Each structure stands twice: as structure tokens, then as C-alpha cells.
Amino acid sequence: MFQLLQAKVVENSSIMVQQGKIYIVMSVVTIILVGLFIYVATVDKKIAALENNAKD
């Protein structure tokens, strides 16, 4: 029974790779993460600028 479960998991992962869907999913996740990092960096710069203006 354990061998059947292992074979099914391998089969499912190979289907994702064979159809190229895994690359689409990873591309979308990467784009979302890059967008979030850029957003956080710009918000951090704006907050830093506001803090510097408040000190002056």
C-alpha cells in the first residue's frame, strides 16, 4: 500500500512537470514576491523620508 501511494505522488508531480504547469506556477509566485518586495521597499523609503522631515 505504501508503494502505491509513493507511485501516485511521483506520477502527479511528473504530470505537472510534463505539462509545464509547474513553471507557470513558479513564474506567477516569483512575480508576486518581486512585486511585494518592491512595494515594501518603496513604502520604507517614504516612511524614512517622513521621519527625516519630522526631525527637521
N, C-alpha and C. Protein backbone atom coordinates (compact mmCIF):
# COMPACT_ATOMS: atom_id res chain seq x y z
N MET A 1 0.82 -1.19 0.00
CA MET A 1 0.00 0.00 0.00
C MET A 1 0.86 1.26 0.00
N PHE A 2 1.92 1.24 0.79
CA PHE A 2 2.81 2.39 0.84
C PHE A 2 3.46 2.64 -0.52
N GLN A 3 3.80 1.56 -1.22
CA GLN A 3 4.41 1.71 -2.53
C GLN A 3 3.42 2.32 -3.53
N LEU A 4 2.16 1.98 -3.42
CA LEU A 4 1.17 2.55 -4.32
C LEU A 4 1.04 4.05 -4.10
N LEU A 5 1.07 4.50 -2.84
CA LEU A 5 0.97 5.92 -2.54
C LEU A 5 2.19 6.67 -3.07
N GLN A 6 3.36 6.08 -2.94
CA GLN A 6 4.56 6.72 -3.46
C GLN A 6 4.49 6.84 -4.98
N ALA A 7 4.04 5.82 -5.64
CA ALA A 7 3.97 5.85 -7.10
C ALA A 7 2.98 6.92 -7.55
N LYS A 8 1.89 7.07 -6.84
CA LYS A 8 0.89 8.06 -7.22
C LYS A 8 1.42 9.47 -7.05
N VAL A 9 2.16 9.72 -5.98
CA VAL A 9 2.72 11.05 -5.76
C VAL A 9 3.73 11.38 -6.85
N VAL A 10 4.58 10.46 -7.19
CA VAL A 10 5.57 10.69 -8.24
C VAL A 10 4.86 10.93 -9.57
N GLU A 11 3.80 10.18 -9.81
CA GLU A 11 3.07 10.34 -11.06
C GLU A 11 2.45 11.73 -11.15
N ASN A 12 1.87 12.22 -10.05
CA ASN A 12 1.26 13.55 -10.06
C ASN A 12 2.30 14.64 -10.29
N SER A 13 3.44 14.53 -9.66
CA SER A 13 4.46 15.56 -9.84
C SER A 13 5.02 15.53 -11.26
N SER A 14 5.14 14.35 -11.83
CA SER A 14 5.66 14.29 -13.19
C SER A 14 4.66 14.85 -14.20
N ILE A 15 3.37 14.72 -13.88
CA ILE A 15 2.36 15.31 -14.77
C ILE A 15 2.49 16.82 -14.78
N MET A 16 2.70 17.42 -13.60
CA MET A 16 2.86 18.87 -13.53
C MET A 16 4.08 19.31 -14.33
N VAL A 17 5.16 18.56 -14.24
CA VAL A 17 6.37 18.92 -14.97
C VAL A 17 6.20 18.67 -16.46
N GLN A 18 5.56 17.57 -16.80
CA GLN A 18 5.38 17.24 -18.22
C GLN A 18 4.51 18.28 -18.92
N GLN A 19 3.48 18.76 -18.27
CA GLN A 19 2.59 19.72 -18.90
C GLN A 19 3.10 21.15 -18.80
N GLY A 20 4.16 21.37 -18.06
CA GLY A 20 4.75 22.69 -17.94
C GLY A 20 4.01 23.61 -16.99
N LYS A 21 3.04 23.11 -16.26
CA LYS A 21 2.27 23.95 -15.35
C LYS A 21 3.10 24.40 -14.14
N ILE A 22 4.06 23.59 -13.75
CA ILE A 22 4.87 23.95 -12.58
C ILE A 22 5.66 25.22 -12.87
N TYR A 23 6.08 25.40 -14.12
CA TYR A 23 6.84 26.60 -14.48
C TYR A 23 5.95 27.83 -14.48
N ILE A 24 4.71 27.66 -14.87
CA ILE A 24 3.77 28.78 -14.84
C ILE A 24 3.49 29.19 -13.39
N VAL A 25 3.27 28.20 -12.54
CA VAL A 25 3.00 28.48 -11.12
C VAL A 25 4.20 29.17 -10.48
N MET A 26 5.39 28.68 -10.74
CA MET A 26 6.59 29.28 -10.15
C MET A 26 6.81 30.69 -10.69
N SER A 27 6.49 30.92 -11.95
CA SER A 27 6.62 32.26 -12.53
C SER A 27 5.67 33.24 -11.85
N VAL A 28 4.43 32.83 -11.65
CA VAL A 28 3.44 33.70 -11.01
C VAL A 28 3.85 33.99 -9.57
N VAL A 29 4.30 32.99 -8.85
CA VAL A 29 4.74 33.19 -7.46
C VAL A 29 5.93 34.14 -7.41
N THR A 30 6.88 33.98 -8.32
CA THR A 30 8.05 34.85 -8.37
C THR A 30 7.66 36.29 -8.66
N ILE A 31 6.74 36.49 -9.61
CA ILE A 31 6.30 37.85 -9.94
C ILE A 31 5.62 38.50 -8.74
N ILE A 32 4.78 37.74 -8.04
CA ILE A 32 4.10 38.28 -6.87
C ILE A 32 5.09 38.65 -5.78
N LEU A 33 6.07 37.79 -5.52
CA LEU A 33 7.06 38.08 -4.48
C LEU A 33 7.91 39.29 -4.84
N VAL A 34 8.33 39.40 -6.08
CA VAL A 34 9.13 40.55 -6.50
C VAL A 34 8.31 41.83 -6.35
N GLY A 35 7.04 41.78 -6.73
CA GLY A 35 6.17 42.94 -6.56
C GLY A 35 6.01 43.34 -5.11
N LEU A 36 5.87 42.36 -4.23
CA LEU A 36 5.76 42.66 -2.80
C LEU A 36 7.04 43.28 -2.25
N PHE A 37 8.18 42.76 -2.65
CA PHE A 37 9.45 43.32 -2.19
C PHE A 37 9.62 44.76 -2.67
N ILE A 38 9.27 45.02 -3.92
CA ILE A 38 9.37 46.39 -4.44
C ILE A 38 8.43 47.31 -3.67
N TYR A 39 7.21 46.85 -3.42
CA TYR A 39 6.24 47.66 -2.67
C TYR A 39 6.76 47.98 -1.27
N VAL A 40 7.28 46.99 -0.58
CA VAL A 40 7.80 47.21 0.78
C VAL A 40 8.98 48.17 0.75
N ALA A 41 9.84 48.05 -0.25
CA ALA A 41 11.00 48.95 -0.34
C ALA A 41 10.55 50.39 -0.57
N THR A 42 9.56 50.60 -1.43
CA THR A 42 9.10 51.97 -1.67
C THR A 42 8.40 52.55 -0.46
N VAL A 43 7.62 51.74 0.23
CA VAL A 43 6.96 52.23 1.45
C VAL A 43 8.00 52.56 2.51
N ASP A 44 9.04 51.75 2.61
CA ASP A 44 10.10 52.01 3.59
C ASP A 44 10.81 53.33 3.28
N LYS A 45 11.07 53.60 2.00
CA LYS A 45 11.71 54.87 1.63
C LYS A 45 10.82 56.06 1.96
N LYS A 46 9.52 55.92 1.71
CA LYS A 46 8.59 57.01 2.03
C LYS A 46 8.53 57.26 3.52
N ILE A 47 8.50 56.20 4.32
CA ILE A 47 8.46 56.35 5.77
C ILE A 47 9.75 56.99 6.28
N ALA A 48 10.87 56.57 5.72
CA ALA A 48 12.15 57.15 6.13
C ALA A 48 12.19 58.64 5.80
N ALA A 49 11.67 59.02 4.65
CA ALA A 49 11.64 60.43 4.26
C ALA A 49 10.74 61.22 5.21
N LEU A 50 9.60 60.66 5.58
CA LEU A 50 8.71 61.34 6.52
C LEU A 50 9.35 61.49 7.90
N GLU A 51 10.08 60.47 8.33
CA GLU A 51 10.77 60.55 9.62
C GLU A 51 11.84 61.62 9.60
N ASN A 52 12.57 61.73 8.49
CA ASN A 52 13.61 62.75 8.39
C ASN A 52 13.01 64.16 8.36
N ASN A 53 11.87 64.32 7.70
CA ASN A 53 11.21 65.62 7.66
C ASN A 53 10.64 66.00 9.02
N ALA A 54 10.20 65.02 9.78
CA ALA A 54 9.65 65.29 11.11
C ALA A 54 10.74 65.72 12.08
N LYS A 55 11.96 65.22 11.91
CA LYS A 55 13.07 65.57 12.80
C LYS A 55 13.56 67.00 12.53
N ASP A 56 13.43 67.46 11.30
CA ASP A 56 13.95 68.80 10.94
C ASP A 56 13.10 69.90 11.44
